[in-house]
PDB file of N, CA and C in Angstrom:
ATOM      1  N   MET A   1       0.963  -1.503   0.134  1.00  0.00           N
ATOM      2  CA  MET A   1       0.135   0.007  -0.298  1.00  0.00           C
ATOM      3  C   MET A   1       0.826   1.374   0.017  1.00  0.00           C
ATOM      4  N   LYS A   2       2.142   1.234   0.710  1.00  0.00           N
ATOM      5  CA  LYS A   2       2.704   2.405   0.858  1.00  0.00           C
ATOM      6  C   LYS A   2       3.137   2.855  -0.691  1.00  0.00           C
ATOM      7  N   ILE A   3       3.402   1.553  -1.555  1.00  0.00           N
ATOM      8  CA  ILE A   3       4.579   1.871  -2.814  1.00  0.00           C
ATOM      9  C   ILE A   3       3.398   2.411  -3.880  1.00  0.00           C
ATOM     10  N   ASN A   4       2.238   2.629  -3.653  1.00  0.00           N
ATOM     11  CA  ASN A   4       1.264   3.135  -4.302  1.00  0.00           C
ATOM     12  C   ASN A   4       0.866   4.742  -3.896  1.00  0.00           C
ATOM     13  N   ILE A   5       1.150   4.951  -2.874  1.00  0.00           N
ATOM     14  CA  ILE A   5       1.171   6.174  -2.140  1.00  0.00           C
ATOM     15  C   ILE A   5       2.073   6.795  -2.570  1.00  0.00           C
ATOM     16  N   LYS A   6       3.325   6.600  -2.726  1.00  0.00           N
ATOM     17  CA  LYS A   6       4.542   7.194  -3.123  1.00  0.00           C
ATOM     18  C   LYS A   6       4.599   7.256  -4.365  1.00  0.00           C
ATOM     19  N   LYS A   7       3.988   6.294  -5.093  1.00  0.00           N
ATOM     20  CA  LYS A   7       4.272   6.793  -6.326  1.00  0.00           C
ATOM     21  C   LYS A   7       2.985   7.665  -6.891  1.00  0.00           C
ATOM     22  N   ILE A   8       2.062   7.889  -6.444  1.00  0.00           N
ATOM     23  CA  ILE A   8       1.064   8.558  -6.535  1.00  0.00           C
ATOM     24  C   ILE A   8       1.383  10.224  -6.085  1.00  0.00           C
ATOM     25  N   LEU A   9       1.939  10.247  -5.230  1.00  0.00           N
ATOM     26  CA  LEU A   9       2.773  11.116  -4.469  1.00  0.00           C
ATOM     27  C   LEU A   9       3.658  11.856  -5.173  1.00  0.00           C
ATOM     28  N   LYS A  10       4.684  10.879  -5.944  1.00  0.00           N
ATOM     29  CA  LYS A  10       5.454  11.378  -6.615  1.00  0.00           C
ATOM     30  C   LYS A  10       5.077  12.217  -8.250  1.00  0.00           C
ATOM     31  N   LYS A  11       3.907  11.498  -8.545  1.00  0.00           N
ATOM     32  CA  LYS A  11       3.373  11.837  -9.741  1.00  0.00           C
ATOM     33  C   LYS A  11       2.522  13.249  -9.622  1.00  0.00           C
ATOM     34  N   LEU A  12       2.277  13.453  -8.509  1.00  0.00           N
ATOM     35  CA  LEU A  12       1.364  14.449  -8.085  1.00  0.00           C
ATOM     36  C   LEU A  12       2.603  15.831  -8.074  1.00  0.00           C
ATOM     37  N   ILE A  13       3.466  15.561  -7.644  1.00  0.00           N
ATOM     38  CA  ILE A  13       4.635  16.390  -7.370  1.00  0.00           C
ATOM     39  C   ILE A  13       4.884  16.926  -8.901  1.00  0.00           C
ATOM     40  N   ILE A  14       5.610  15.944  -9.570  1.00  0.00           N
ATOM     41  CA  ILE A  14       5.834  16.043 -11.049  1.00  0.00           C
ATOM     42  C   ILE A  14       4.780  16.919 -11.574  1.00  0.00           C
ATOM     43  N   VAL A  15       3.316  16.879 -11.306  1.00  0.00           N
ATOM     44  CA  VAL A  15       2.359  17.279 -12.310  1.00  0.00           C
ATOM     45  C   VAL A  15       2.186  18.969 -11.744  1.00  0.00           C
ATOM     46  N   VAL A  16       2.419  18.783 -10.090  1.00  0.00           N
ATOM     47  CA  VAL A  16       2.407  20.522  -9.719  1.00  0.00           C
ATOM     48  C   VAL A  16       3.613  21.283 -10.354  1.00  0.00           C
ATOM     49  N   PHE A  17       4.772  20.341 -10.462  1.00  0.00           N
ATOM     50  CA  PHE A  17       6.101  20.939 -11.113  1.00  0.00           C
ATOM     51  C   PHE A  17       5.806  21.516 -12.147  1.00  0.00           C
ATOM     52  N   ILE A  18       5.447  20.729 -13.341  1.00  0.00           N
ATOM     53  CA  ILE A  18       5.472  20.848 -14.386  1.00  0.00           C
ATOM     54  C   ILE A  18       4.104  21.916 -14.738  1.00  0.00           C
ATOM     55  N   SER A  19       3.300  21.866 -14.040  1.00  0.00           N
ATOM     56  CA  SER A  19       2.217  23.224 -14.307  1.00  0.00           C
ATOM     57  C   SER A  19       2.887  24.363 -13.811  1.00  0.00           C
ATOM     58  N   TYR A  20       3.312  24.390 -12.973  1.00  0.00           N
ATOM     59  CA  TYR A  20       3.948  25.625 -11.934  1.00  0.00           C
ATOM     60  C   TYR A  20       5.126  26.186 -13.298  1.00  0.00           C
ATOM     61  N   VAL A  21       5.887  25.571 -13.912  1.00  0.00           N
ATOM     62  CA  VAL A  21       6.654  26.145 -15.168  1.00  0.00           C
ATOM     63  C   VAL A  21       5.788  26.534 -16.278  1.00  0.00           C
ATOM     64  N   ALA A  22       5.092  25.712 -16.509  1.00  0.00           N
ATOM     65  CA  ALA A  22       4.311  25.855 -17.811  1.00  0.00           C
ATOM     66  C   ALA A  22       3.510  27.485 -17.372  1.00  0.00           C
ATOM     67  N   VAL A  23       2.952  27.653 -16.570  1.00  0.00           N
ATOM     68  CA  VAL A  23       2.212  28.982 -15.754  1.00  0.00           C
ATOM     69  C   VAL A  23       3.536  30.055 -16.037  1.00  0.00           C
ATOM     70  N   THR A  24       4.330  29.645 -15.414  1.00  0.00           N
ATOM     71  CA  THR A  24       5.183  30.786 -15.252  1.00  0.00           C
ATOM     72  C   THR A  24       5.834  31.286 -16.651  1.00  0.00           C
ATOM     73  N   LEU A  25       6.053  30.288 -17.546  1.00  0.00           N
ATOM     74  CA  LEU A  25       6.423  30.158 -18.802  1.00  0.00           C
ATOM     75  C   LEU A  25       5.471  31.354 -19.689  1.00  0.00           C
ATOM     76  N   VAL A  26       4.320  31.155 -19.430  1.00  0.00           N
ATOM     77  CA  VAL A  26       3.494  31.747 -20.119  1.00  0.00           C
ATOM     78  C   VAL A  26       2.975  33.161 -19.664  1.00  0.00           C
ATOM     79  N   ASN A  27       3.463  33.437 -18.265  1.00  0.00           N
ATOM     80  CA  ASN A  27       3.517  34.688 -17.891  1.00  0.00           C
ATOM     81  C   ASN A  27       4.632  35.653 -18.243  1.00  0.00           C
ATOM     82  N   GLN A  28       5.842  34.824 -18.268  1.00  0.00           N
ATOM     83  CA  GLN A  28       6.981  35.332 -18.735  1.00  0.00           C
ATOM     84  C   GLN A  28       6.960  36.012 -20.271  1.00  0.00           C
ATOM     85  N   GLN A  29       5.958  35.180 -21.061  1.00  0.00           N
ATOM     86  CA  GLN A  29       6.089  35.429 -22.534  1.00  0.00           C
ATOM     87  C   GLN A  29       4.983  36.687 -22.691  1.00  0.00           C
ATOM     88  N   LYS A  30       3.910  36.447 -21.896  1.00  0.00           N
ATOM     89  CA  LYS A  30       3.105  37.899 -21.759  1.00  0.00           C
ATOM     90  C   LYS A  30       4.079  39.176 -21.856  1.00  0.00           C
ATOM     91  N   LYS A  31       4.910  39.065 -20.563  1.00  0.00           N
ATOM     92  CA  LYS A  31       5.536  40.202 -19.907  1.00  0.00           C
ATOM     93  C   LYS A  31       6.371  40.723 -21.359  1.00  0.00           C
ATOM     94  N   LEU A  32       7.140  39.436 -22.090  1.00  0.00           N
ATOM     95  CA  LEU A  32       7.626  39.769 -23.188  1.00  0.00           C
ATOM     96  C   LEU A  32       7.281  40.908 -24.119  1.00  0.00           C
ATOM     97  N   ASN A  33       6.063  40.049 -24.576  1.00  0.00           N
ATOM     98  CA  ASN A  33       5.638  40.815 -25.183  1.00  0.00           C
ATOM     99  C   ASN A  33       4.906  42.036 -25.313  1.00  0.00           C
ATOM    100  N   THR A  34       4.417  42.405 -23.897  1.00  0.00           N
ATOM    101  CA  THR A  34       4.264  43.773 -23.591  1.00  0.00           C
ATOM    102  C   THR A  34       5.577  44.530 -23.495  1.00  0.00           C
ATOM    103  N   TYR A  35       6.766  44.592 -23.272  1.00  0.00           N
ATOM    104  CA  TYR A  35       8.169  44.839 -23.451  1.00  0.00           C
ATOM    105  C   TYR A  35       8.240  45.333 -24.901  1.00  0.00           C
ATOM    106  N   GLU A  36       8.202  44.274 -25.657  1.00  0.00           N
ATOM    107  CA  GLU A  36       8.236  44.539 -26.640  1.00  0.00           C
ATOM    108  C   GLU A  36       7.381  45.495 -27.711  1.00  0.00           C
ATOM    109  N   LYS A  37       6.036  45.674 -27.317  1.00  0.00           N
ATOM    110  CA  LYS A  37       5.308  46.660 -27.542  1.00  0.00           C
ATOM    111  C   LYS A  37       5.646  48.275 -27.102  1.00  0.00           C
ATOM    112  N   ASN A  38       6.192  48.115 -25.954  1.00  0.00           N
ATOM    113  CA  ASN A  38       6.458  49.350 -25.462  1.00  0.00           C
ATOM    114  C   ASN A  38       8.046  49.888 -26.087  1.00  0.00           C
ATOM    115  N   ILE A  39       8.873  48.873 -26.531  1.00  0.00           N
ATOM    116  CA  ILE A  39       9.841  49.126 -27.352  1.00  0.00           C
ATOM    117  C   ILE A  39       9.762  49.934 -28.246  1.00  0.00           C
ATOM    118  N   ALA A  40       8.665  48.858 -29.239  1.00  0.00           N
ATOM    119  CA  ALA A  40       8.427  49.625 -30.706  1.00  0.00           C
ATOM    120  C   ALA A  40       7.395  50.956 -30.602  1.00  0.00           C
ATOM    121  N   THR A  41       6.756  51.181 -29.202  1.00  0.00           N
ATOM    122  CA  THR A  41       6.251  52.663 -29.359  1.00  0.00           C
ATOM    123  C   THR A  41       7.301  53.529 -28.746  1.00  0.00           C
ATOM    124  N   VAL A  42       8.399  53.638 -27.924  1.00  0.00           N
ATOM    125  CA  VAL A  42       9.217  54.625 -27.638  1.00  0.00           C
ATOM    126  C   VAL A  42      10.256  54.576 -28.956  1.00  0.00           C
ATOM    127  N   GLU A  43      10.618  53.208 -29.827  1.00  0.00           N
ATOM    128  CA  GLU A  43      11.295  53.617 -30.973  1.00  0.00           C
ATOM    129  C   GLU A  43      10.610  54.407 -31.583  1.00  0.00           C
ATOM    130  N   GLU A  44       9.411  54.233 -31.990  1.00  0.00           N
ATOM    131  CA  GLU A  44       8.464  55.349 -32.951  1.00  0.00           C
ATOM    132  C   GLU A  44       8.722  56.557 -32.417  1.00  0.00           C
ATOM    133  N   GLN A  45       8.485  56.970 -31.329  1.00  0.00           N
ATOM    134  CA  GLN A  45       8.172  58.155 -30.569  1.00  0.00           C
ATOM    135  C   GLN A  45      10.194  58.890 -30.861  1.00  0.00           C
ATOM    136  N   ILE A  46      10.755  58.317 -30.388  1.00  0.00           N
ATOM    137  CA  ILE A  46      12.382  58.848 -30.798  1.00  0.00           C
ATOM    138  C   ILE A  46      12.704  59.260 -32.582  1.00  0.00           C
ATOM    139  N   ASP A  47      11.858  58.362 -33.231  1.00  0.00           N
ATOM    140  CA  ASP A  47      11.613  58.514 -34.727  1.00  0.00           C
ATOM    141  C   ASP A  47      11.035  59.769 -35.147  1.00  0.00           C
ATOM    142  N   GLU A  48      10.049  60.162 -34.448  1.00  0.00           N
ATOM    143  CA  GLU A  48       9.504  61.306 -34.575  1.00  0.00           C
ATOM    144  C   GLU A  48      10.066  62.568 -33.799  1.00  0.00           C
ATOM    145  N   ALA A  49      10.564  62.476 -32.712  1.00  0.00           N
ATOM    146  CA  ALA A  49      11.526  63.527 -32.035  1.00  0.00           C
ATOM    147  C   ALA A  49      12.824  63.551 -32.806  1.00  0.00           C
ATOM    148  N   THR A  50      13.150  62.653 -33.419  1.00  0.00           N
ATOM    149  CA  THR A  50      14.543  62.895 -34.633  1.00  0.00           C
ATOM    150  C   THR A  50      14.137  63.891 -35.643  1.00  0.00           C
ATOM    151  N   GLU A  51      12.980  63.475 -36.523  1.00  0.00           N
ATOM    152  CA  GLU A  51      12.224  63.911 -37.341  1.00  0.00           C
ATOM    153  C   GLU A  51      12.372  65.849 -37.254  1.00  0.00           C
ATOM    154  N   TYR A  52      11.729  65.849 -35.885  1.00  0.00           N
ATOM    155  CA  TYR A  52      11.045  67.193 -35.442  1.00  0.00           C
ATOM    156  C   TYR A  52      12.522  67.798 -35.318  1.00  0.00           C
ATOM    157  N   LYS A  53      13.345  67.284 -34.353  1.00  0.00           N
ATOM    158  CA  LYS A  53      14.775  67.778 -34.273  1.00  0.00           C
ATOM    159  C   LYS A  53      15.487  68.198 -35.603  1.00  0.00           C
ATOM    160  N   GLU A  54      15.558  67.701 -36.708  1.00  0.00           N
ATOM    161  CA  GLU A  54      15.914  68.118 -38.184  1.00  0.00           C
ATOM    162  C   GLU A  54      15.287  68.719 -38.670  1.00  0.00           C
ATOM    163  N   SER A  55      14.179  69.379 -38.418  1.00  0.00           N
ATOM    164  CA  SER A  55      13.523  70.160 -38.758  1.00  0.00           C
ATOM    165  C   SER A  55      13.432  71.481 -38.232  1.00  0.00           C
ATOM    166  N   LEU A  56      13.829  71.435 -36.647  1.00  0.00           N
ATOM    167  CA  LEU A  56      14.037  72.676 -36.147  1.00  0.00           C
ATOM    168  C   LEU A  56      15.490  73.148 -36.501  1.00  0.00           C
ATOM    169  N   VAL A  57      16.653  72.269 -36.772  1.00  0.00           N
ATOM    170  CA  VAL A  57      18.089  72.781 -37.254  1.00  0.00           C
ATOM    171  C   VAL A  57      18.136  73.034 -38.482  1.00  0.00           C
ATOM    172  N   SER A  58      16.896  72.625 -39.444  1.00  0.00           N
ATOM    173  CA  SER A  58      17.089  73.176 -40.596  1.00  0.00           C
ATOM    174  C   SER A  58      16.421  74.458 -40.847  1.00  0.00           C
ATOM    175  N   LEU A  59      15.462  74.390 -39.817  1.00  0.00           N
ATOM    176  CA  LEU A  59      14.924  75.833 -39.945  1.00  0.00           C
ATOM    177  C   LEU A  59      15.679  76.982 -39.207  1.00  0.00           C
ATOM    178  N   LYS A  60      16.233  76.874 -38.231  1.00  0.00           N
ATOM    179  CA  LYS A  60      17.323  77.719 -37.648  1.00  0.00           C
ATOM    180  C   LYS A  60      18.191  78.150 -38.498  1.00  0.00           C
ATOM    181  N   GLU A  61      19.056  76.938 -39.399  1.00  0.00           N
ATOM    182  CA  GLU A  61      19.993  77.087 -40.506  1.00  0.00           C
ATOM    183  C   GLU A  61      19.252  78.205 -41.551  1.00  0.00           C
ATOM    184  N   ASN A  62      18.276  77.808 -42.061  1.00  0.00           N
ATOM    185  CA  ASN A  62      17.485  78.711 -42.955  1.00  0.00           C
ATOM    186  C   ASN A  62      16.970  80.164 -42.540  1.00  0.00           C
ATOM    187  N   ALA A  63      17.198  80.350 -41.191  1.00  0.00           N
ATOM    188  CA  ALA A  63      16.363  81.588 -40.498  1.00  0.00           C
ATOM    189  C   ALA A  63      17.085  82.871 -40.702  1.00  0.00           C
ATOM    190  N   GLN A  64      18.212  82.445 -40.907  1.00  0.00           N
ATOM    191  CA  GLN A  64      19.144  83.929 -41.556  1.00  0.00           C
ATOM    192  C   GLN A  64      19.135  84.043 -43.130  1.00  0.00           C
ATOM    193  N   SER A  65      18.981  83.101 -43.667  1.00  0.00           N
ATOM    194  CA  SER A  65      18.986  83.364 -44.755  1.00  0.00           C
ATOM    195  C   SER A  65      18.259  84.663 -45.768  1.00  0.00           C
ATOM    196  N   LEU A  66      18.609  85.589 -46.541  1.00  0.00           N
ATOM    197  CA  LEU A  66      17.585  86.539 -47.178  1.00  0.00           C
ATOM    198  C   LEU A  66      16.334  85.734 -47.699  1.00  0.00           C
ATOM    199  N   GLU A  67      16.619  84.515 -48.235  1.00  0.00           N
ATOM    200  CA  GLU A  67      15.562  84.196 -49.169  1.00  0.00           C
ATOM    201  C   GLU A  67      14.198  83.913 -48.115  1.00  0.00           C
ATOM    202  N   TYR A  68      14.908  83.157 -47.136  1.00  0.00           N
ATOM    203  CA  TYR A  68      13.550  83.174 -45.538  1.00  0.00           C
ATOM    204  C   TYR A  68      12.953  84.566 -44.957  1.00  0.00           C
ATOM    205  N   ILE A  69      14.141  85.215 -44.788  1.00  0.00           N
ATOM    206  CA  ILE A  69      13.518  86.462 -44.396  1.00  0.00           C
ATOM    207  C   ILE A  69      12.578  87.262 -45.266  1.00  0.00           C
ATOM    208  N   GLU A  70      12.579  87.257 -46.588  1.00  0.00           N
ATOM    209  CA  GLU A  70      11.987  87.611 -47.620  1.00  0.00           C
ATOM    210  C   GLU A  70      10.349  87.027 -47.489  1.00  0.00           C
ATOM    211  N   GLN A  71      10.702  85.728 -47.688  1.00  0.00           N
ATOM    212  CA  GLN A  71       9.273  84.705 -47.632  1.00  0.00           C
ATOM    213  C   GLN A  71       8.626  85.353 -46.070  1.00  0.00           C
ATOM    214  N   ILE A  72       8.993  85.225 -45.201  1.00  0.00           N
ATOM    215  CA  ILE A  72       8.389  85.608 -43.863  1.00  0.00           C
ATOM    216  C   ILE A  72       7.614  87.128 -44.019  1.00  0.00           C
ATOM    217  N   ALA A  73       8.351  88.096 -44.806  1.00  0.00           N
ATOM    218  CA  ALA A  73       8.059  89.354 -44.434  1.00  0.00           C
ATOM    219  C   ALA A  73       7.027  89.187 -45.302  1.00  0.00           C
ATOM    220  N   ARG A  74       6.913  88.681 -46.760  1.00  0.00           N
ATOM    221  CA  ARG A  74       5.563  88.385 -47.355  1.00  0.00           C
ATOM    222  C   ARG A  74       4.245  87.761 -46.886  1.00  0.00           C
ATOM    223  N   GLU A  75       4.763  86.623 -46.515  1.00  0.00           N
ATOM    224  CA  GLU A  75       3.866  85.701 -46.046  1.00  0.00           C
ATOM    225  C   GLU A  75       2.944  86.425 -44.866  1.00  0.00           C
ATOM    226  N   LYS A  76       3.630  87.066 -43.813  1.00  0.00           N
ATOM    227  CA  LYS A  76       3.531  87.203 -42.379  1.00  0.00           C
ATOM    228  C   LYS A  76       2.965  88.788 -41.872  1.00  0.00           C
ATOM    229  N   LEU A  77       3.960  88.950 -43.097  1.00  0.00           N
ATOM    230  CA  LEU A  77       3.717  90.820 -42.439  1.00  0.00           C
ATOM    231  C   LEU A  77       3.313  91.449 -43.805  1.00  0.00           C
ATOM    232  N   ASN A  78       2.727  90.819 -44.509  1.00  0.00           N
ATOM    233  CA  ASN A  78       2.297  91.547 -46.006  1.00  0.00           C
ATOM    234  C   ASN A  78       3.310  92.908 -46.759  1.00  0.00           C
ATOM    235  N   MET A  79       4.430  92.172 -46.507  1.00  0.00           N
ATOM    236  CA  MET A  79       5.731  93.461 -46.839  1.00  0.00           C
ATOM    237  C   MET A  79       6.075  92.894 -48.151  1.00  0.00           C
ATOM    238  N   TYR A  80       6.582  94.165 -49.032  1.00  0.00           N
ATOM    239  CA  TYR A  80       6.924  93.761 -50.287  1.00  0.00           C
ATOM    240  C   TYR A  80       8.153  94.637 -50.469  1.00  0.00           C
ATOM    241  N   MET A  81       8.602  94.453 -51.674  1.00  0.00           N
ATOM    242  CA  MET A  81       9.900  95.256 -51.779  1.00  0.00           C
ATOM    243  C   MET A  81       9.904  96.557 -52.696  1.00  0.00           C
ATOM    244  N   PRO A  82      10.572  97.667 -52.402  1.00  0.00           N
ATOM    245  CA  PRO A  82       9.959  99.077 -52.946  1.00  0.00           C
ATOM    246  C   PRO A  82       9.381  99.082 -54.402  1.00  0.00           C
ATOM    247  N   ASP A  83       9.897  98.209 -54.811  1.00  0.00           N
ATOM    248  CA  ASP A  83      10.017  98.389 -56.624  1.00  0.00           C
ATOM    249  C   ASP A  83       8.693  97.358 -57.278  1.00  0.00           C
ATOM    250  N   GLU A  84       8.316  96.826 -56.067  1.00  0.00           N
ATOM    251  CA  GLU A  84       7.149  95.565 -56.432  1.00  0.00           C
ATOM    252  C   GLU A  84       5.920  96.481 -56.912  1.00  0.00           C
ATOM    253  N   LYS A  85       5.258  95.869 -57.721  1.00  0.00           N
ATOM    254  CA  LYS A  85       3.601  96.271 -58.243  1.00  0.00           C
ATOM    255  C   LYS A  85       2.750  95.142 -58.014  1.00  0.00           C
ATOM    256  N   ILE A  86       1.912  95.472 -56.695  1.00  0.00           N
ATOM    257  CA  ILE A  86       1.044  94.557 -56.035  1.00  0.00           C
ATOM    258  C   ILE A  86      -0.311  94.690 -57.039  1.00  0.00           C
ATOM    259  N   TYR A  87      -0.491  93.227 -57.257  1.00  0.00           N
ATOM    260  CA  TYR A  87      -1.900  93.202 -58.014  1.00  0.00           C
ATOM    261  C   TYR A  87      -3.142  92.761 -56.481  1.00  0.00           C
ATOM    262  N   ILE A  88      -4.477  93.280 -56.611  1.00  0.00           N
ATOM    263  CA  ILE A  88      -5.504  93.098 -55.733  1.00  0.00           C
ATOM    264  C   ILE A  88      -6.286  92.394 -56.590  1.00  0.00           C
ATOM    265  N   GLU A  89      -6.695  91.015 -56.368  1.00  0.00           N
ATOM    266  CA  GLU A  89      -8.258  90.746 -57.077  1.00  0.00           C
ATOM    267  C   GLU A  89      -9.258  91.172 -56.595  1.00  0.00           C
ATOM    268  N   ARG A  90     -10.160  91.553 -57.114  1.00  0.00           N
ATOM    269  CA  ARG A  90     -11.615  91.748 -56.851  1.00  0.00           C
ATOM    270  C   ARG A  90     -12.521  90.932 -57.476  1.00  0.00           C
ATOM    271  N   ARG A  91     -12.958  90.174 -56.501  1.00  0.00           N
ATOM    272  CA  ARG A  91     -13.985  89.315 -56.772  1.00  0.00           C
ATOM    273  C   ARG A  91     -15.575  89.792 -56.985  1.00  0.00           C
TER     274      ARG A  91
END
């Protein structure tokens, strides 16, 4: 009778251990998937920030050019060169 109880107990312990390992592996895989999604999101944010930085650097470089100053004067301030003729469309 003791032999049967020992065998059953060993099998039960093995089943419990295997179940524990399986549950642990599944939980770890879920965490890894979450971390991978977070990494992808952060990498996307880094790319966006890098593009924004590059646009700001480009704008800074162009801010001192005469073409940029003239463009801003025309578009934002409605200023024109002294010898230019301005035509206004009437509708």
